[in-house]
PDB file of N, CA and C in Angstrom:
ATOM      1  N   MET A   1     160.284  48.891  58.001  1.00  0.00           N
ATOM      2  CA  MET A   1     159.072  48.512  57.311  1.00  0.00           C
ATOM      3  C   MET A   1     157.932  48.490  58.325  1.00  0.00           C
ATOM      4  N   GLN A   2     156.876  49.187  57.994  1.00  0.00           N
ATOM      5  CA  GLN A   2     155.721  49.231  58.884  1.00  0.00           C
ATOM      6  C   GLN A   2     154.769  48.093  58.557  1.00  0.00           C
ATOM      7  N   SER A   3     154.289  47.469  59.586  1.00  0.00           N
ATOM      8  CA  SER A   3     153.299  46.414  59.360  1.00  0.00           C
ATOM      9  C   SER A   3     151.910  47.054  59.361  1.00  0.00           C
ATOM     10  N   LYS A   4     151.090  46.567  58.479  1.00  0.00           N
ATOM     11  CA  LYS A   4     149.726  47.080  58.403  1.00  0.00           C
ATOM     12  C   LYS A   4     148.808  46.131  59.150  1.00  0.00           C
ATOM     13  N   MET A   5     148.241  46.639  60.203  1.00  0.00           N
ATOM     14  CA  MET A   5     147.304  45.850  60.988  1.00  0.00           C
ATOM     15  C   MET A   5     145.900  46.380  60.706  1.00  0.00           C
ATOM     16  N   THR A   6     145.022  45.504  60.386  1.00  0.00           N
ATOM     17  CA  THR A   6     143.641  45.891  60.159  1.00  0.00           C
ATOM     18  C   THR A   6     142.748  44.983  60.987  1.00  0.00           C
ATOM     19  N   ARG A   7     141.855  45.598  61.692  1.00  0.00           N
ATOM     20  CA  ARG A   7     140.908  44.837  62.496  1.00  0.00           C
ATOM     21  C   ARG A   7     139.504  45.249  62.079  1.00  0.00           C
ATOM     22  N   ARG A   8     138.647  44.291  61.938  1.00  0.00           N
ATOM     23  CA  ARG A   8     137.259  44.569  61.582  1.00  0.00           C
ATOM     24  C   ARG A   8     136.385  44.100  62.727  1.00  0.00           C
ATOM     25  N   SER A   9     135.424  44.901  63.032  1.00  0.00           N
ATOM     26  CA  SER A   9     134.497  44.495  64.082  1.00  0.00           C
ATOM     27  C   SER A   9     133.097  44.955  63.716  1.00  0.00           C
ATOM     28  N   LEU A  10     132.124  44.211  64.174  1.00  0.00           N
ATOM     29  CA  LEU A  10     130.734  44.585  63.971  1.00  0.00           C
ATOM     30  C   LEU A  10     130.256  45.324  65.206  1.00  0.00           C
ATOM     31  N   LEU A  11     129.718  46.482  64.992  1.00  0.00           N
ATOM     32  CA  LEU A  11     129.123  47.239  66.081  1.00  0.00           C
ATOM     33  C   LEU A  11     127.610  47.115  65.944  1.00  0.00           C
ATOM     34  N   PHE A  12     126.964  46.631  66.973  1.00  0.00           N
ATOM     35  CA  PHE A  12     125.512  46.477  66.944  1.00  0.00           C
ATOM     36  C   PHE A  12     124.924  47.520  67.879  1.00  0.00           C
ATOM     37  N   VAL A  13     124.134  48.408  67.308  1.00  0.00           N
ATOM     38  CA  VAL A  13     123.489  49.449  68.087  1.00  0.00           C
ATOM     39  C   VAL A  13     121.988  49.247  67.952  1.00  0.00           C
ATOM     40  N   SER A  14     121.323  49.084  69.055  1.00  0.00           N
ATOM     41  CA  SER A  14     119.883  48.850  69.012  1.00  0.00           C
ATOM     42  C   SER A  14     119.195  49.702  70.058  1.00  0.00           C
ATOM     43  N   SER A  15     118.089  50.257  69.670  1.00  0.00           N
ATOM     44  CA  SER A  15     117.285  51.007  70.632  1.00  0.00           C
ATOM     45  C   SER A  15     116.047  50.190  70.935  1.00  0.00           C
ATOM     46  N   LEU A  16     116.223  49.177  71.757  1.00  0.00           N
ATOM     47  CA  LEU A  16     115.117  48.265  72.016  1.00  0.00           C
ATOM     48  C   LEU A  16     113.945  48.975  72.669  1.00  0.00           C
ATOM     49  N   GLY A  17     114.159  49.678  73.735  1.00  0.00           N
ATOM     50  CA  GLY A  17     113.111  50.463  74.353  1.00  0.00           C
ATOM     51  C   GLY A  17     111.784  49.739  74.464  1.00  0.00           C
ATOM     52  N   LEU A  18     111.785  48.493  74.897  1.00  0.00           N
ATOM     53  CA  LEU A  18     110.541  47.739  74.972  1.00  0.00           C
ATOM     54  C   LEU A  18     109.584  48.350  75.978  1.00  0.00           C
ATOM     55  N   LEU A  19     110.118  48.881  77.072  1.00  0.00           N
ATOM     56  CA  LEU A  19     109.247  49.515  78.046  1.00  0.00           C
ATOM     57  C   LEU A  19     108.598  50.746  77.444  1.00  0.00           C
ATOM     58  N   ALA A  20     109.371  51.539  76.732  1.00  0.00           N
ATOM     59  CA  ALA A  20     108.806  52.716  76.070  1.00  0.00           C
ATOM     60  C   ALA A  20     107.785  52.297  75.025  1.00  0.00           C
ATOM     61  N   GLY A  21     108.056  51.202  74.325  1.00  0.00           N
ATOM     62  CA  GLY A  21     107.112  50.704  73.328  1.00  0.00           C
ATOM     63  C   GLY A  21     105.828  50.219  73.965  1.00  0.00           C
ATOM     64  N   ALA A  22     105.925  49.665  75.184  1.00  0.00           N
ATOM     65  CA  ALA A  22     104.717  49.211  75.872  1.00  0.00           C
ATOM     66  C   ALA A  22     103.871  50.391  76.316  1.00  0.00           C
ATOM     67  N   ILE A  23     104.539  51.490  76.690  1.00  0.00           N
ATOM     68  CA  ILE A  23     103.809  52.680  77.113  1.00  0.00           C
ATOM     69  C   ILE A  23     103.180  53.375  75.918  1.00  0.00           C
ATOM     70  N   ASN A  24     103.936  53.490  74.843  1.00  0.00           N
ATOM     71  CA  ASN A  24     103.440  54.148  73.641  1.00  0.00           C
ATOM     72  C   ASN A  24     103.405  53.104  72.531  1.00  0.00           C
ATOM     73  N   ALA A  25     102.246  52.527  72.288  1.00  0.00           N
ATOM     74  CA  ALA A  25     102.115  51.414  71.348  1.00  0.00           C
ATOM     75  C   ALA A  25     102.426  51.809  69.916  1.00  0.00           C
ATOM     76  N   HIS A  26     102.480  53.091  69.617  1.00  0.00           N
ATOM     77  CA  HIS A  26     102.717  53.535  68.249  1.00  0.00           C
ATOM     78  C   HIS A  26     104.177  53.874  67.981  1.00  0.00           C
ATOM     79  N   ALA A  27     105.035  53.747  68.971  1.00  0.00           N
ATOM     80  CA  ALA A  27     106.445  54.066  68.798  1.00  0.00           C
ATOM     81  C   ALA A  27     107.152  52.938  68.052  1.00  0.00           C
ATOM     82  N   ALA A  28     107.865  53.291  67.001  1.00  0.00           N
ATOM     83  CA  ALA A  28     108.623  52.295  66.237  1.00  0.00           C
ATOM     84  C   ALA A  28     109.978  52.090  66.910  1.00  0.00           C
ATOM     85  N   THR A  29     110.396  50.827  66.986  1.00  0.00           N
ATOM     86  CA  THR A  29     111.693  50.487  67.558  1.00  0.00           C
ATOM     87  C   THR A  29     112.473  49.723  66.507  1.00  0.00           C
ATOM     88  N   GLY A  30     113.676  50.186  66.229  1.00  0.00           N
ATOM     89  CA  GLY A  30     114.446  49.597  65.146  1.00  0.00           C
ATOM     90  C   GLY A  30     115.794  49.065  65.581  1.00  0.00           C
ATOM     91  N   ALA A  31     116.622  48.770  64.593  1.00  0.00           N
ATOM     92  CA  ALA A  31     117.959  48.234  64.839  1.00  0.00           C
ATOM     93  C   ALA A  31     118.919  48.784  63.790  1.00  0.00           C
ATOM     94  N   ARG A  32     120.153  48.978  64.222  1.00  0.00           N
ATOM     95  CA  ARG A  32     121.228  49.419  63.322  1.00  0.00           C
ATOM     96  C   ARG A  32     122.448  48.534  63.556  1.00  0.00           C
ATOM     97  N   VAL A  33     123.093  48.129  62.467  1.00  0.00           N
ATOM     98  CA  VAL A  33     124.331  47.351  62.542  1.00  0.00           C
ATOM     99  C   VAL A  33     125.347  48.039  61.646  1.00  0.00           C
ATOM    100  N   PHE A  34     126.531  48.307  62.202  1.00  0.00           N
ATOM    101  CA  PHE A  34     127.606  48.961  61.463  1.00  0.00           C
ATOM    102  C   PHE A  34     128.834  48.057  61.429  1.00  0.00           C
ATOM    103  N   LEU A  35     129.599  48.153  60.347  1.00  0.00           N
ATOM    104  CA  LEU A  35     130.897  47.484  60.241  1.00  0.00           C
ATOM    105  C   LEU A  35     131.960  48.564  60.386  1.00  0.00           C
ATOM    106  N   GLN A  36     132.848  48.383  61.368  1.00  0.00           N
ATOM    107  CA  GLN A  36     133.901  49.364  61.617  1.00  0.00           C
ATOM    108  C   GLN A  36     135.250  48.729  61.313  1.00  0.00           C
ATOM    109  N   ALA A  37     135.874  49.141  60.223  1.00  0.00           N
ATOM    110  CA  ALA A  37     137.234  48.692  59.916  1.00  0.00           C
ATOM    111  C   ALA A  37     138.191  49.604  60.677  1.00  0.00           C
ATOM    112  N   TRP A  38     139.156  49.001  61.363  1.00  0.00           N
ATOM    113  CA  TRP A  38     140.058  49.795  62.183  1.00  0.00           C
ATOM    114  C   TRP A  38     141.497  49.503  61.821  1.00  0.00           C
ATOM    115  N   ASN A  39     142.229  50.550  61.529  1.00  0.00           N
ATOM    116  CA  ASN A  39     143.653  50.450  61.242  1.00  0.00           C
ATOM    117  C   ASN A  39     144.343  51.468  62.140  1.00  0.00           C
ATOM    118  N   PRO A  40     145.274  51.058  62.981  1.00  0.00           N
ATOM    119  CA  PRO A  40     145.900  51.998  63.914  1.00  0.00           C
ATOM    120  C   PRO A  40     146.685  53.108  63.220  1.00  0.00           C
ATOM    121  N   LEU A  41     147.049  52.913  61.971  1.00  0.00           N
ATOM    122  CA  LEU A  41     147.792  53.954  61.252  1.00  0.00           C
ATOM    123  C   LEU A  41     146.860  55.016  60.678  1.00  0.00           C
ATOM    124  N   THR A  42     145.615  54.656  60.473  1.00  0.00           N
ATOM    125  CA  THR A  42     144.644  55.604  59.900  1.00  0.00           C
ATOM    126  C   THR A  42     143.352  55.575  60.723  1.00  0.00           C
ATOM    127  N   ILE A  43     143.474  55.958  61.973  1.00  0.00           N
ATOM    128  CA  ILE A  43     142.352  55.838  62.908  1.00  0.00           C
ATOM    129  C   ILE A  43     141.155  56.671  62.462  1.00  0.00           C
ATOM    130  N   ASP A  44     141.373  57.889  62.037  1.00  0.00           N
ATOM    131  CA  ASP A  44     140.270  58.800  61.713  1.00  0.00           C
ATOM    132  C   ASP A  44     139.779  58.668  60.282  1.00  0.00           C
ATOM    133  N   GLN A  45     140.327  57.760  59.520  1.00  0.00           N
ATOM    134  CA  GLN A  45     139.971  57.670  58.105  1.00  0.00           C
ATOM    135  C   GLN A  45     139.072  56.477  57.772  1.00  0.00           C
ATOM    136  N   ALA A  46     138.517  55.839  58.755  1.00  0.00           N
ATOM    137  CA  ALA A  46     137.690  54.663  58.501  1.00  0.00           C
ATOM    138  C   ALA A  46     136.303  54.874  59.104  1.00  0.00           C
ATOM    139  N   PRO A  47     135.401  55.486  58.353  1.00  0.00           N
ATOM    140  CA  PRO A  47     134.054  55.683  58.894  1.00  0.00           C
ATOM    141  C   PRO A  47     133.308  54.351  58.975  1.00  0.00           C
ATOM    142  N   PRO A  48     132.379  54.241  59.910  1.00  0.00           N
ATOM    143  CA  PRO A  48     131.602  52.998  59.998  1.00  0.00           C
ATOM    144  C   PRO A  48     130.721  52.826  58.763  1.00  0.00           C
ATOM    145  N   ILE A  49     130.582  51.580  58.337  1.00  0.00           N
ATOM    146  CA  ILE A  49     129.774  51.257  57.155  1.00  0.00           C
ATOM    147  C   ILE A  49     128.452  50.673  57.649  1.00  0.00           C
ATOM    148  N   PRO A  50     127.323  51.324  57.327  1.00  0.00           N
ATOM    149  CA  PRO A  50     126.044  50.776  57.783  1.00  0.00           C
ATOM    150  C   PRO A  50     125.685  49.510  57.010  1.00  0.00           C
ATOM    151  N   LEU A  51     125.429  48.425  57.737  1.00  0.00           N
ATOM    152  CA  LEU A  51     125.015  47.165  57.121  1.00  0.00           C
ATOM    153  C   LEU A  51     123.505  46.982  57.219  1.00  0.00           C
ATOM    154  N   LEU A  52     122.922  47.506  58.289  1.00  0.00           N
ATOM    155  CA  LEU A  52     121.482  47.407  58.495  1.00  0.00           C
ATOM    156  C   LEU A  52     121.023  48.665  59.205  1.00  0.00           C
ATOM    157  N   ASP A  53     120.001  49.290  58.676  1.00  0.00           N
ATOM    158  CA  ASP A  53     119.410  50.459  59.314  1.00  0.00           C
ATOM    159  C   ASP A  53     117.910  50.387  59.066  1.00  0.00           C
ATOM    160  N   HIS A  54     117.217  49.703  59.963  1.00  0.00           N
ATOM    161  CA  HIS A  54     115.777  49.466  59.805  1.00  0.00           C
ATOM    162  C   HIS A  54     115.077  50.090  61.012  1.00  0.00           C
ATOM    163  N   PRO A  55     114.403  51.225  60.829  1.00  0.00           N
ATOM    164  CA  PRO A  55     113.852  51.961  61.969  1.00  0.00           C
ATOM    165  C   PRO A  55     112.701  51.281  62.698  1.00  0.00           C
ATOM    166  N   SER A  56     112.113  50.238  62.140  1.00  0.00           N
ATOM    167  CA  SER A  56     110.991  49.597  62.829  1.00  0.00           C
ATOM    168  C   SER A  56     111.116  48.068  62.848  1.00  0.00           C
ATOM    169  N   LEU A  57     112.313  47.550  62.703  1.00  0.00           N
ATOM    170  CA  LEU A  57     112.527  46.101  62.638  1.00  0.00           C
ATOM    171  C   LEU A  57     112.025  45.379  63.889  1.00  0.00           C
ATOM    172  N   VAL A  58     112.387  45.866  65.059  1.00  0.00           N
ATOM    173  CA  VAL A  58     112.013  45.201  66.306  1.00  0.00           C
ATOM    174  C   VAL A  58     110.508  45.300  66.540  1.00  0.00           C
ATOM    175  N   SER A  59     109.950  46.504  66.421  1.00  0.00           N
ATOM    176  CA  SER A  59     108.515  46.668  66.679  1.00  0.00           C
ATOM    177  C   SER A  59     107.667  45.934  65.644  1.00  0.00           C
ATOM    178  N   ASP A  60     108.084  45.915  64.379  1.00  0.00           N
ATOM    179  CA  ASP A  60     107.341  45.171  63.356  1.00  0.00           C
ATOM    180  C   ASP A  60     107.346  43.670  63.642  1.00  0.00           C
ATOM    181  N   THR A  61     108.496  43.151  64.055  1.00  0.00           N
ATOM    182  CA  THR A  61     108.617  41.727  64.354  1.00  0.00           C
ATOM    183  C   THR A  61     107.764  41.346  65.565  1.00  0.00           C
ATOM    184  N   LEU A  62     107.837  42.164  66.614  1.00  0.00           N
ATOM    185  CA  LEU A  62     107.029  41.883  67.802  1.00  0.00           C
ATOM    186  C   LEU A  62     105.535  41.960  67.493  1.00  0.00           C
ATOM    187  N   GLN A  63     105.135  42.918  66.674  1.00  0.00           N
ATOM    188  CA  GLN A  63     103.725  43.035  66.313  1.00  0.00           C
ATOM    189  C   GLN A  63     103.253  41.805  65.535  1.00  0.00           C
ATOM    190  N   GLU A  64     104.092  41.323  64.630  1.00  0.00           N
ATOM    191  CA  GLU A  64     103.754  40.133  63.843  1.00  0.00           C
ATOM    192  C   GLU A  64     103.594  38.904  64.743  1.00  0.00           C
ATOM    193  N   ILE A  65     104.525  38.733  65.677  1.00  0.00           N
ATOM    194  CA  ILE A  65     104.459  37.603  66.598  1.00  0.00           C
ATOM    195  C   ILE A  65     103.235  37.722  67.499  1.00  0.00           C
ATOM    196  N   TRP A  66     102.959  38.930  68.009  1.00  0.00           N
ATOM    197  CA  TRP A  66     101.801  39.148  68.874  1.00  0.00           C
ATOM    198  C   TRP A  66     100.504  38.819  68.132  1.00  0.00           C
ATOM    199  N   THR A  67     100.401  39.225  66.884  1.00  0.00           N
ATOM    200  CA  THR A  67      99.203  38.953  66.084  1.00  0.00           C
ATOM    201  C   THR A  67      99.003  37.445  65.913  1.00  0.00           C
ATOM    202  N   GLN A  68     100.083  36.705  65.737  1.00  0.00           N
ATOM    203  CA  GLN A  68      99.990  35.252  65.566  1.00  0.00           C
ATOM    204  C   GLN A  68      99.662  34.539  66.870  1.00  0.00           C
ATOM    205  N   GLN A  69     100.193  35.011  67.985  1.00  0.00           N
ATOM    206  CA  GLN A  69     100.071  34.302  69.260  1.00  0.00           C
ATOM    207  C   GLN A  69      98.859  34.731  70.089  1.00  0.00           C
ATOM    208  N   ARG A  70      98.261  35.874  69.804  1.00  0.00           N
ATOM    209  CA  ARG A  70      97.149  36.387  70.592  1.00  0.00           C
ATOM    210  C   ARG A  70      95.997  35.384  70.732  1.00  0.00           C
ATOM    211  N   PRO A  71      95.514  34.744  69.636  1.00  0.00           N
ATOM    212  CA  PRO A  71      94.421  33.778  69.803  1.00  0.00           C
ATOM    213  C   PRO A  71      94.790  32.601  70.707  1.00  0.00           C
ATOM    214  N   LYS A  72      96.042  32.139  70.621  1.00  0.00           N
ATOM    215  CA  LYS A  72      96.485  31.022  71.465  1.00  0.00           C
ATOM    216  C   LYS A  72      96.524  31.435  72.938  1.00  0.00           C
ATOM    217  N   ILE A  73      96.953  32.660  73.192  1.00  0.00           N
ATOM    218  CA  ILE A  73      97.013  33.157  74.568  1.00  0.00           C
ATOM    219  C   ILE A  73      95.599  33.285  75.140  1.00  0.00           C
ATOM    220  N   CYS A  74      94.681  33.835  74.351  1.00  0.00           N
ATOM    221  CA  CYS A  74      93.290  33.949  74.803  1.00  0.00           C
ATOM    222  C   CYS A  74      92.687  32.581  75.087  1.00  0.00           C
ATOM    223  N   GLN A  75      92.928  31.642  74.221  1.00  0.00           N
ATOM    224  CA  GLN A  75      92.392  30.286  74.421  1.00  0.00           C
ATOM    225  C   GLN A  75      92.920  29.694  75.723  1.00  0.00           C
ATOM    226  N   ARG A  76      94.207  29.859  75.962  1.00  0.00           N
ATOM    227  CA  ARG A  76      94.813  29.328  77.192  1.00  0.00           C
ATOM    228  C   ARG A  76      94.242  30.017  78.431  1.00  0.00           C
ATOM    229  N   LEU A  77      94.059  31.341  78.356  1.00  0.00           N
ATOM    230  CA  LEU A  77      93.482  32.073  79.481  1.00  0.00           C
ATOM    231  C   LEU A  77      92.055  31.597  79.770  1.00  0.00           C
ATOM    232  N   ARG A  78      91.251  31.418  78.715  1.00  0.00           N
ATOM    233  CA  ARG A  78      89.872  30.940  78.904  1.00  0.00           C
ATOM    234  C   ARG A  78      89.861  29.550  79.537  1.00  0.00           C
ATOM    235  N   LEU A  79      90.761  28.676  79.094  1.00  0.00           N
ATOM    236  CA  LEU A  79      90.834  27.328  79.661  1.00  0.00           C
ATOM    237  C   LEU A  79      91.225  27.364  81.143  1.00  0.00           C
ATOM    238  N   GLU A  80      92.213  28.182  81.481  1.00  0.00           N
ATOM    239  CA  GLU A  80      92.686  28.265  82.866  1.00  0.00           C
ATOM    240  C   GLU A  80      91.635  28.903  83.772  1.00  0.00           C
ATOM    241  N   MET A  81      90.980  29.963  83.297  1.00  0.00           N
ATOM    242  CA  MET A  81      89.984  30.648  84.124  1.00  0.00           C
ATOM    243  C   MET A  81      88.669  29.891  84.189  1.00  0.00           C
ATOM    244  N   GLY A  82      88.411  29.025  83.208  1.00  0.00           N
ATOM    245  CA  GLY A  82      87.157  28.287  83.177  1.00  0.00           C
ATOM    246  C   GLY A  82      87.148  27.012  83.998  1.00  0.00           C
ATOM    247  N   VAL A  83      88.238  26.707  84.658  1.00  0.00           N
ATOM    248  CA  VAL A  83      88.308  25.511  85.504  1.00  0.00           C
ATOM    249  C   VAL A  83      87.378  25.713  86.702  1.00  0.00           C
ATOM    250  N   GLY A  84      86.668  24.676  87.071  1.00  0.00           N
ATOM    251  CA  GLY A  84      85.754  24.766  88.210  1.00  0.00           C
ATOM    252  C   GLY A  84      86.434  25.254  89.468  1.00  0.00           C
ATOM    253  N   GLY A  85      85.866  26.282  90.079  1.00  0.00           N
ATOM    254  CA  GLY A  85      86.389  26.821  91.332  1.00  0.00           C
ATOM    255  C   GLY A  85      87.625  27.683  91.180  1.00  0.00           C
ATOM    256  N   ALA A  86      87.974  28.119  89.978  1.00  0.00           N
ATOM    257  CA  ALA A  86      89.207  28.879  89.748  1.00  0.00           C
ATOM    258  C   ALA A  86      89.143  30.286  90.323  1.00  0.00           C
ATOM    259  N   ALA A  87      87.953  30.853  90.471  1.00  0.00           N
ATOM    260  CA  ALA A  87      87.815  32.230  90.962  1.00  0.00           C
ATOM    261  C   ALA A  87      87.285  32.211  92.394  1.00  0.00           C
ATOM    262  N   ARG A  88      88.167  31.948  93.355  1.00  0.00           N
ATOM    263  CA  ARG A  88      87.820  31.901  94.781  1.00  0.00           C
ATOM    264  C   ARG A  88      86.631  30.972  95.050  1.00  0.00           C
ATOM    265  N   GLY A  89      86.681  29.834  94.415  1.00  0.00           N
ATOM    266  CA  GLY A  89      85.635  28.845  94.619  1.00  0.00           C
ATOM    267  C   GLY A  89      84.490  28.936  93.623  1.00  0.00           C
ATOM    268  N   GLU A  90      84.432  29.996  92.859  1.00  0.00           N
ATOM    269  CA  GLU A  90      83.377  30.175  91.857  1.00  0.00           C
ATOM    270  C   GLU A  90      83.867  29.660  90.505  1.00  0.00           C
ATOM    271  N   THR A  91      82.959  29.228  89.676  1.00  0.00           N
ATOM    272  CA  THR A  91      83.293  28.782  88.333  1.00  0.00           C
ATOM    273  C   THR A  91      82.879  29.858  87.339  1.00  0.00           C
ATOM    274  N   LEU A  92      83.825  30.322  86.560  1.00  0.00           N
ATOM    275  CA  LEU A  92      83.547  31.350  85.550  1.00  0.00           C
ATOM    276  C   LEU A  92      83.019  30.690  84.286  1.00  0.00           C
ATOM    277  N   HIS A  93      82.122  31.367  83.596  1.00  0.00           N
ATOM    278  CA  HIS A  93      81.609  30.847  82.317  1.00  0.00           C
ATOM    279  C   HIS A  93      81.351  32.032  81.393  1.00  0.00           C
ATOM    280  N   ASP A  94      81.166  31.770  80.124  1.00  0.00           N
ATOM    281  CA  ASP A  94      81.004  32.811  79.091  1.00  0.00           C
ATOM    282  C   ASP A  94      82.141  33.818  79.148  1.00  0.00           C
ATOM    283  N   ILE A  95      83.359  33.325  79.210  1.00  0.00           N
ATOM    284  CA  ILE A  95      84.541  34.176  79.320  1.00  0.00           C
ATOM    285  C   ILE A  95      84.867  34.761  77.963  1.00  0.00           C
ATOM    286  N   THR A  96      85.017  36.073  77.921  1.00  0.00           N
ATOM    287  CA  THR A  96      85.428  36.774  76.709  1.00  0.00           C
ATOM    288  C   THR A  96      86.838  37.317  76.922  1.00  0.00           C
ATOM    289  N   CYS A  97      87.719  37.040  75.993  1.00  0.00           N
ATOM    290  CA  CYS A  97      89.107  37.500  76.089  1.00  0.00           C
ATOM    291  C   CYS A  97      89.368  38.504  74.979  1.00  0.00           C
ATOM    292  N   LEU A  98      89.719  39.716  75.355  1.00  0.00           N
ATOM    293  CA  LEU A  98      90.073  40.754  74.383  1.00  0.00           C
ATOM    294  C   LEU A  98      91.464  41.275  74.716  1.00  0.00           C
ATOM    295  N   LEU A  99      92.426  40.896  73.938  1.00  0.00           N
ATOM    296  CA  LEU A  99      93.799  41.372  74.117  1.00  0.00           C
ATOM    297  C   LEU A  99      94.118  42.309  72.955  1.00  0.00           C
ATOM    298  N   ASP A 100      94.480  43.542  73.280  1.00  0.00           N
ATOM    299  CA  ASP A 100      94.798  44.515  72.241  1.00  0.00           C
ATOM    300  C   ASP A 100      96.248  44.421  71.870  1.00  0.00           C
TER     301      ASP A 100
END
């Protein structure tokens, strides 16, 4: 009598490419998650099942977070740079922060 062994595993494949995304701001970065059922008796008969295939999930999420946090970052930069004597003994004023 043959025993049937089945193993399931999640394969997570991601093309984060954050450095590439920083160089090319228009490049979409996504994520893919597959479920691979494995049976040693039928190795070639179990194709991976896609659970998630979102071509811009990572870049969309980062863009959303950046849009929310940008004003807070600018405010903090203005506060830090506006401290008396912060620029080699000089005090900066009328600081404009533009973060793209």
